[in-house]
Amino acid sequence: MPRSADADHGLDYRRTCLLKHAVDALKEAHLADEVIPLLEAEADHSRCYVQLVDALIEAGRTEEARQWCRHGYAATADRWWGIAMTLQDRLQGIAGRAGQSEVVAAYAAKTFFDDPDTKTWRALKLAAEKASCWPTVRE
């Protein structure tokens, strides 16, 4: 299926639905090992970066998930902000599971500055306190 070059949302939607059905079919057919290669092949076409990252994390392939988060973020930050922010959340989660509290605080700060509100401020404060850097961050 060709990728829509002119932002044809209908074609993009059909491609995304087809991909979802293909992934579901592979899982039902006990061919889950084929899911990640399919998502990798489709990532730049259907912007399924979040699904790919989640599959990689589930498979224990954290470093590849981190790389795809960065790639997907760069590919979507200008036009698909929701995808980019979800990938940033995944990077923050990866850092948290790795015990990198300073990195978690940095992602929380970016989220706050991108979308300042009381919820993101509280998350920043909590993360910065855990990383023992709240006084510096607050300044």
N, C-alpha and C. Protein backbone atom coordinates (compact mmCIF):
# COMPACT_ATOMS: atom_id res chain seq x y z
N MET A 1 0.85 -1.17 0.00
CA MET A 1 0.00 0.00 0.00
C MET A 1 0.90 1.23 0.00
N PRO A 2 0.71 2.15 -0.94
CA PRO A 2 1.59 3.32 -0.99
C PRO A 2 1.33 4.26 0.18
N ARG A 3 2.38 4.95 0.57
CA ARG A 3 2.23 5.94 1.62
C ARG A 3 1.66 7.20 0.99
N SER A 4 0.77 7.83 1.70
CA SER A 4 0.15 9.05 1.23
C SER A 4 1.17 10.18 1.27
N ALA A 5 1.50 10.74 0.11
CA ALA A 5 2.48 11.81 0.03
C ALA A 5 1.84 13.16 0.32
N ASP A 6 0.56 13.30 0.12
CA ASP A 6 -0.10 14.59 0.26
C ASP A 6 -0.99 14.66 1.50
N ALA A 7 -0.59 13.96 2.53
CA ALA A 7 -1.32 13.97 3.81
C ALA A 7 -2.77 13.53 3.63
N ASP A 8 -2.98 12.49 2.85
CA ASP A 8 -4.31 11.92 2.68
C ASP A 8 -4.63 11.12 3.94
N HIS A 9 -5.36 11.74 4.83
CA HIS A 9 -5.63 11.11 6.12
C HIS A 9 -6.43 9.82 5.97
N GLY A 10 -7.27 9.75 4.96
CA GLY A 10 -8.04 8.52 4.73
C GLY A 10 -7.14 7.35 4.39
N LEU A 11 -6.17 7.57 3.52
CA LEU A 11 -5.23 6.52 3.15
C LEU A 11 -4.34 6.15 4.34
N ASP A 12 -3.89 7.17 5.08
CA ASP A 12 -3.08 6.90 6.27
C ASP A 12 -3.87 6.07 7.28
N TYR A 13 -5.14 6.41 7.47
CA TYR A 13 -5.97 5.68 8.41
C TYR A 13 -6.15 4.23 7.97
N ARG A 14 -6.41 4.02 6.69
CA ARG A 14 -6.58 2.64 6.19
C ARG A 14 -5.30 1.85 6.37
N ARG A 15 -4.15 2.47 6.10
CA ARG A 15 -2.88 1.79 6.26
C ARG A 15 -2.67 1.40 7.73
N THR A 16 -2.96 2.32 8.64
CA THR A 16 -2.81 2.06 10.07
C THR A 16 -3.74 0.93 10.52
N CYS A 17 -4.98 0.95 10.03
CA CYS A 17 -5.92 -0.13 10.37
C CYS A 17 -5.44 -1.48 9.84
N LEU A 18 -4.95 -1.48 8.62
CA LEU A 18 -4.43 -2.71 8.02
C LEU A 18 -3.25 -3.24 8.82
N LEU A 19 -2.37 -2.35 9.24
CA LEU A 19 -1.22 -2.75 10.05
C LEU A 19 -1.68 -3.35 11.38
N LYS A 20 -2.65 -2.71 12.03
CA LYS A 20 -3.16 -3.23 13.29
C LYS A 20 -3.73 -4.63 13.10
N HIS A 21 -4.49 -4.83 12.03
CA HIS A 21 -5.07 -6.16 11.76
C HIS A 21 -3.97 -7.18 11.47
N ALA A 22 -2.94 -6.78 10.75
CA ALA A 22 -1.82 -7.69 10.45
C ALA A 22 -1.11 -8.10 11.74
N VAL A 23 -0.87 -7.14 12.62
CA VAL A 23 -0.21 -7.45 13.91
C VAL A 23 -1.09 -8.39 14.73
N ASP A 24 -2.37 -8.10 14.79
CA ASP A 24 -3.29 -8.98 15.54
C ASP A 24 -3.31 -10.39 14.95
N ALA A 25 -3.31 -10.47 13.62
CA ALA A 25 -3.33 -11.79 12.96
C ALA A 25 -2.05 -12.56 13.25
N LEU A 26 -0.92 -11.89 13.23
CA LEU A 26 0.35 -12.56 13.54
C LEU A 26 0.34 -13.10 14.97
N LYS A 27 -0.17 -12.32 15.89
CA LYS A 27 -0.23 -12.77 17.28
C LYS A 27 -1.18 -13.96 17.43
N GLU A 28 -2.33 -13.89 16.79
CA GLU A 28 -3.30 -14.98 16.86
C GLU A 28 -2.77 -16.26 16.22
N ALA A 29 -1.92 -16.11 15.21
CA ALA A 29 -1.35 -17.26 14.51
C ALA A 29 -0.08 -17.76 15.21
N HIS A 30 0.19 -17.23 16.40
CA HIS A 30 1.38 -17.61 17.17
C HIS A 30 2.66 -17.32 16.38
N LEU A 31 2.65 -16.20 15.66
CA LEU A 31 3.82 -15.75 14.91
C LEU A 31 4.29 -14.40 15.44
N ALA A 32 4.28 -14.27 16.75
CA ALA A 32 4.64 -13.00 17.39
C ALA A 32 6.05 -12.55 17.04
N ASP A 33 6.93 -13.48 16.69
CA ASP A 33 8.30 -13.11 16.31
C ASP A 33 8.32 -12.26 15.04
N GLU A 34 7.24 -12.30 14.29
CA GLU A 34 7.15 -11.52 13.04
C GLU A 34 6.63 -10.10 13.27
N VAL A 35 6.13 -9.81 14.45
CA VAL A 35 5.52 -8.51 14.72
C VAL A 35 6.57 -7.39 14.67
N ILE A 36 7.67 -7.54 15.37
CA ILE A 36 8.68 -6.48 15.41
C ILE A 36 9.25 -6.19 14.03
N PRO A 37 9.64 -7.19 13.24
CA PRO A 37 10.12 -6.87 11.89
C PRO A 37 9.08 -6.13 11.04
N LEU A 38 7.81 -6.50 11.18
CA LEU A 38 6.76 -5.80 10.43
C LEU A 38 6.66 -4.34 10.89
N LEU A 39 6.65 -4.13 12.20
CA LEU A 39 6.56 -2.77 12.71
C LEU A 39 7.78 -1.94 12.32
N GLU A 40 8.95 -2.56 12.33
CA GLU A 40 10.16 -1.84 11.90
C GLU A 40 10.05 -1.42 10.44
N ALA A 41 9.56 -2.32 9.61
CA ALA A 41 9.42 -2.01 8.18
C ALA A 41 8.38 -0.91 7.95
N GLU A 42 7.38 -0.83 8.80
CA GLU A 42 6.29 0.12 8.63
C GLU A 42 6.46 1.42 9.40
N ALA A 43 7.41 1.49 10.30
CA ALA A 43 7.51 2.63 11.23
C ALA A 43 7.52 3.97 10.53
N ASP A 44 8.35 4.14 9.52
CA ASP A 44 8.45 5.43 8.86
C ASP A 44 7.27 5.70 7.93
N HIS A 45 6.56 4.66 7.52
CA HIS A 45 5.41 4.84 6.63
C HIS A 45 4.14 5.15 7.41
N SER A 46 3.89 4.39 8.46
CA SER A 46 2.63 4.55 9.18
C SER A 46 2.80 5.18 10.56
N ARG A 47 4.01 5.60 10.87
CA ARG A 47 4.32 6.26 12.15
C ARG A 47 3.88 5.41 13.34
N CYS A 48 4.12 4.11 13.26
CA CYS A 48 3.75 3.18 14.34
C CYS A 48 4.90 3.05 15.35
N TYR A 49 5.59 4.14 15.57
CA TYR A 49 6.76 4.13 16.46
C TYR A 49 6.40 3.68 17.87
N VAL A 50 5.29 4.15 18.38
CA VAL A 50 4.90 3.80 19.75
C VAL A 50 4.65 2.29 19.86
N GLN A 51 3.93 1.73 18.90
CA GLN A 51 3.66 0.30 18.92
C GLN A 51 4.96 -0.49 18.82
N LEU A 52 5.88 -0.04 17.97
CA LEU A 52 7.17 -0.70 17.82
C LEU A 52 7.97 -0.63 19.11
N VAL A 53 8.03 0.54 19.71
CA VAL A 53 8.77 0.72 20.96
C VAL A 53 8.18 -0.17 22.05
N ASP A 54 6.86 -0.20 22.15
CA ASP A 54 6.22 -1.04 23.17
C ASP A 54 6.54 -2.52 22.94
N ALA A 55 6.54 -2.95 21.68
CA ALA A 55 6.87 -4.35 21.37
C ALA A 55 8.32 -4.65 21.72
N LEU A 56 9.21 -3.72 21.44
CA LEU A 56 10.63 -3.92 21.77
C LEU A 56 10.84 -3.97 23.27
N ILE A 57 10.18 -3.09 24.01
CA ILE A 57 10.30 -3.11 25.48
C ILE A 57 9.78 -4.43 26.03
N GLU A 58 8.63 -4.87 25.52
CA GLU A 58 8.05 -6.14 25.97
C GLU A 58 8.99 -7.30 25.68
N ALA A 59 9.75 -7.22 24.57
CA ALA A 59 10.69 -8.28 24.21
C ALA A 59 12.02 -8.14 24.94
N GLY A 60 12.17 -7.12 25.79
CA GLY A 60 13.41 -6.92 26.53
C GLY A 60 14.52 -6.29 25.71
N ARG A 61 14.18 -5.68 24.60
CA ARG A 61 15.16 -5.06 23.71
C ARG A 61 15.18 -3.55 23.93
N THR A 62 15.59 -3.18 25.14
CA THR A 62 15.49 -1.81 25.61
C THR A 62 16.33 -0.83 24.79
N GLU A 63 17.54 -1.20 24.45
CA GLU A 63 18.39 -0.26 23.71
C GLU A 63 17.81 0.02 22.32
N GLU A 64 17.27 -0.99 21.67
CA GLU A 64 16.62 -0.76 20.38
C GLU A 64 15.38 0.11 20.55
N ALA A 65 14.64 -0.10 21.63
CA ALA A 65 13.47 0.72 21.91
C ALA A 65 13.89 2.18 22.09
N ARG A 66 14.97 2.40 22.81
CA ARG A 66 15.47 3.76 23.02
C ARG A 66 15.84 4.41 21.68
N GLN A 67 16.52 3.65 20.81
CA GLN A 67 16.91 4.18 19.50
C GLN A 67 15.68 4.53 18.66
N TRP A 68 14.68 3.65 18.67
CA TRP A 68 13.47 3.92 17.89
C TRP A 68 12.69 5.10 18.47
N CYS A 69 12.72 5.27 19.79
CA CYS A 69 12.08 6.44 20.40
C CYS A 69 12.71 7.72 19.86
N ARG A 70 14.01 7.75 19.84
CA ARG A 70 14.70 8.95 19.34
C ARG A 70 14.43 9.19 17.87
N HIS A 71 14.49 8.12 17.09
CA HIS A 71 14.22 8.24 15.65
C HIS A 71 12.78 8.71 15.42
N GLY A 72 11.84 8.07 16.10
CA GLY A 72 10.44 8.42 15.94
C GLY A 72 10.15 9.84 16.41
N TYR A 73 10.77 10.24 17.51
CA TYR A 73 10.59 11.60 18.00
C TYR A 73 11.04 12.61 16.95
N ALA A 74 12.22 12.39 16.39
CA ALA A 74 12.74 13.31 15.37
C ALA A 74 11.82 13.35 14.14
N ALA A 75 11.22 12.21 13.81
CA ALA A 75 10.36 12.13 12.63
C ALA A 75 8.97 12.72 12.85
N THR A 76 8.56 12.88 14.10
CA THR A 76 7.18 13.29 14.37
C THR A 76 7.04 14.60 15.14
N ALA A 77 8.09 15.11 15.72
CA ALA A 77 7.98 16.27 16.63
C ALA A 77 7.37 17.50 15.97
N ASP A 78 7.64 17.73 14.71
CA ASP A 78 7.13 18.92 14.05
C ASP A 78 5.66 18.83 13.66
N ARG A 79 5.21 17.62 13.33
CA ARG A 79 3.87 17.49 12.76
C ARG A 79 2.89 16.66 13.59
N TRP A 80 3.39 15.66 14.29
CA TRP A 80 2.54 14.76 15.07
C TRP A 80 2.98 14.81 16.52
N TRP A 81 2.66 15.90 17.18
CA TRP A 81 3.13 16.18 18.53
C TRP A 81 2.72 15.09 19.52
N GLY A 82 1.53 14.54 19.39
CA GLY A 82 1.07 13.50 20.31
C GLY A 82 1.94 12.26 20.26
N ILE A 83 2.33 11.85 19.05
CA ILE A 83 3.23 10.70 18.91
C ILE A 83 4.57 11.02 19.55
N ALA A 84 5.10 12.20 19.27
CA ALA A 84 6.41 12.59 19.82
C ALA A 84 6.38 12.61 21.34
N MET A 85 5.31 13.14 21.92
CA MET A 85 5.23 13.21 23.38
C MET A 85 5.09 11.81 24.00
N THR A 86 4.38 10.93 23.32
CA THR A 86 4.27 9.55 23.82
C THR A 86 5.63 8.86 23.78
N LEU A 87 6.39 9.10 22.72
CA LEU A 87 7.74 8.53 22.64
C LEU A 87 8.65 9.11 23.73
N GLN A 88 8.49 10.39 24.01
CA GLN A 88 9.25 10.99 25.11
C GLN A 88 8.88 10.34 26.44
N ASP A 89 7.59 10.06 26.63
CA ASP A 89 7.15 9.36 27.84
C ASP A 89 7.79 7.97 27.94
N ARG A 90 7.90 7.29 26.79
CA ARG A 90 8.52 5.97 26.80
C ARG A 90 10.00 6.09 27.17
N LEU A 91 10.68 7.11 26.65
CA LEU A 91 12.10 7.32 27.01
C LEU A 91 12.23 7.59 28.51
N GLN A 92 11.31 8.36 29.05
CA GLN A 92 11.32 8.64 30.48
C GLN A 92 11.11 7.34 31.27
N GLY A 93 10.21 6.49 30.81
CA GLY A 93 9.98 5.21 31.47
C GLY A 93 11.19 4.30 31.42
N ILE A 94 11.85 4.28 30.28
CA ILE A 94 13.07 3.47 30.15
C ILE A 94 14.13 3.96 31.13
N ALA A 95 14.29 5.28 31.22
CA ALA A 95 15.26 5.85 32.16
C ALA A 95 14.88 5.52 33.60
N GLY A 96 13.60 5.57 33.91
CA GLY A 96 13.15 5.25 35.27
C GLY A 96 13.43 3.81 35.64
N ARG A 97 13.18 2.89 34.71
CA ARG A 97 13.44 1.48 34.99
C ARG A 97 14.94 1.20 35.12
N ALA A 98 15.75 2.05 34.50
CA ALA A 98 17.21 1.90 34.59
C ALA A 98 17.78 2.62 35.81
N GLY A 99 16.91 3.25 36.60
CA GLY A 99 17.37 3.95 37.80
C GLY A 99 18.06 5.28 37.51
N GLN A 100 17.80 5.86 36.37
CA GLN A 100 18.44 7.12 35.98
C GLN A 100 17.53 8.30 36.38
N SER A 101 17.50 8.59 37.67
CA SER A 101 16.55 9.59 38.17
C SER A 101 16.82 10.98 37.61
N GLU A 102 18.08 11.32 37.33
CA GLU A 102 18.37 12.63 36.76
C GLU A 102 17.79 12.75 35.34
N VAL A 103 17.86 11.67 34.58
CA VAL A 103 17.30 11.66 33.22
C VAL A 103 15.78 11.75 33.30
N VAL A 104 15.18 11.05 34.22
CA VAL A 104 13.73 11.12 34.41
C VAL A 104 13.33 12.57 34.72
N ALA A 105 14.08 13.22 35.59
CA ALA A 105 13.79 14.63 35.93
C ALA A 105 13.95 15.53 34.71
N ALA A 106 14.95 15.26 33.89
CA ALA A 106 15.15 16.07 32.68
C ALA A 106 13.98 15.92 31.73
N TYR A 107 13.48 14.70 31.54
CA TYR A 107 12.31 14.50 30.69
C TYR A 107 11.07 15.17 31.30
N ALA A 108 10.94 15.10 32.61
CA ALA A 108 9.81 15.76 33.27
C ALA A 108 9.89 17.27 33.08
N ALA A 109 11.10 17.82 33.11
CA ALA A 109 11.28 19.26 32.89
C ALA A 109 10.88 19.63 31.46
N LYS A 110 11.31 18.82 30.50
CA LYS A 110 10.95 19.09 29.10
C LYS A 110 9.44 19.04 28.93
N THR A 111 8.81 18.05 29.53
CA THR A 111 7.35 17.94 29.43
C THR A 111 6.69 19.18 30.03
N PHE A 112 7.17 19.62 31.19
CA PHE A 112 6.60 20.81 31.83
C PHE A 112 6.77 22.04 30.95
N PHE A 113 7.96 22.24 30.40
CA PHE A 113 8.18 23.44 29.59
C PHE A 113 7.44 23.38 28.26
N ASP A 114 7.20 22.18 27.74
CA ASP A 114 6.41 22.03 26.51
C ASP A 114 4.92 22.24 26.76
N ASP A 115 4.46 21.84 27.95
CA ASP A 115 3.03 21.88 28.26
C ASP A 115 2.83 22.22 29.74
N PRO A 116 3.11 23.49 30.11
CA PRO A 116 3.07 23.84 31.54
C PRO A 116 1.65 23.85 32.10
N ASP A 117 1.46 23.06 33.11
CA ASP A 117 0.22 23.07 33.89
C ASP A 117 0.53 22.46 35.24
N THR A 118 -0.46 22.40 36.11
CA THR A 118 -0.20 21.91 37.47
C THR A 118 0.20 20.44 37.48
N LYS A 119 -0.37 19.66 36.59
CA LYS A 119 -0.05 18.22 36.55
C LYS A 119 1.42 18.02 36.15
N THR A 120 1.86 18.69 35.10
CA THR A 120 3.26 18.51 34.66
C THR A 120 4.23 19.14 35.66
N TRP A 121 3.79 20.22 36.35
CA TRP A 121 4.64 20.82 37.38
C TRP A 121 4.83 19.86 38.55
N ARG A 122 3.74 19.21 38.98
CA ARG A 122 3.83 18.24 40.08
C ARG A 122 4.73 17.07 39.71
N ALA A 123 4.60 16.59 38.47
CA ALA A 123 5.44 15.47 38.02
C ALA A 123 6.91 15.90 37.98
N LEU A 124 7.18 17.12 37.54
CA LEU A 124 8.56 17.63 37.55
C LEU A 124 9.09 17.72 38.96
N LYS A 125 8.29 18.28 39.87
CA LYS A 125 8.74 18.43 41.26
C LYS A 125 9.05 17.07 41.88
N LEU A 126 8.17 16.10 41.67
CA LEU A 126 8.38 14.76 42.22
C LEU A 126 9.65 14.12 41.65
N ALA A 127 9.82 14.21 40.34
CA ALA A 127 11.01 13.62 39.71
C ALA A 127 12.28 14.31 40.16
N ALA A 128 12.25 15.65 40.27
CA ALA A 128 13.43 16.40 40.68
C ALA A 128 13.77 16.14 42.15
N GLU A 129 12.77 15.97 42.98
CA GLU A 129 13.02 15.62 44.39
C GLU A 129 13.67 14.25 44.48
N LYS A 130 13.17 13.31 43.70
CA LYS A 130 13.74 11.96 43.71
C LYS A 130 15.19 11.98 43.23
N ALA A 131 15.51 12.88 42.31
CA ALA A 131 16.87 12.99 41.79
C ALA A 131 17.73 13.93 42.64
N SER A 132 17.16 14.43 43.74
CA SER A 132 17.85 15.34 44.64
C SER A 132 18.33 16.63 43.93
N CYS A 133 17.51 17.11 43.03
CA CYS A 133 17.90 18.33 42.33
C CYS A 133 16.78 19.36 42.28
N TRP A 134 15.76 19.21 43.16
CA TRP A 134 14.64 20.12 43.12
C TRP A 134 15.04 21.58 43.36
N PRO A 135 15.90 21.90 44.33
CA PRO A 135 16.25 23.32 44.52
C PRO A 135 16.85 23.96 43.25
N THR A 136 17.68 23.23 42.57
CA THR A 136 18.29 23.74 41.35
C THR A 136 17.24 23.90 40.25
N VAL A 137 16.40 22.90 40.10
CA VAL A 137 15.36 22.95 39.07
C VAL A 137 14.39 24.08 39.36
N ARG A 138 14.03 24.27 40.60
CA ARG A 138 13.08 25.31 40.95
C ARG A 138 13.62 26.69 40.61
N GLU A 139 14.92 26.90 40.86
CA GLU A 139 15.52 28.20 40.52
C GLU A 139 15.40 28.45 39.04
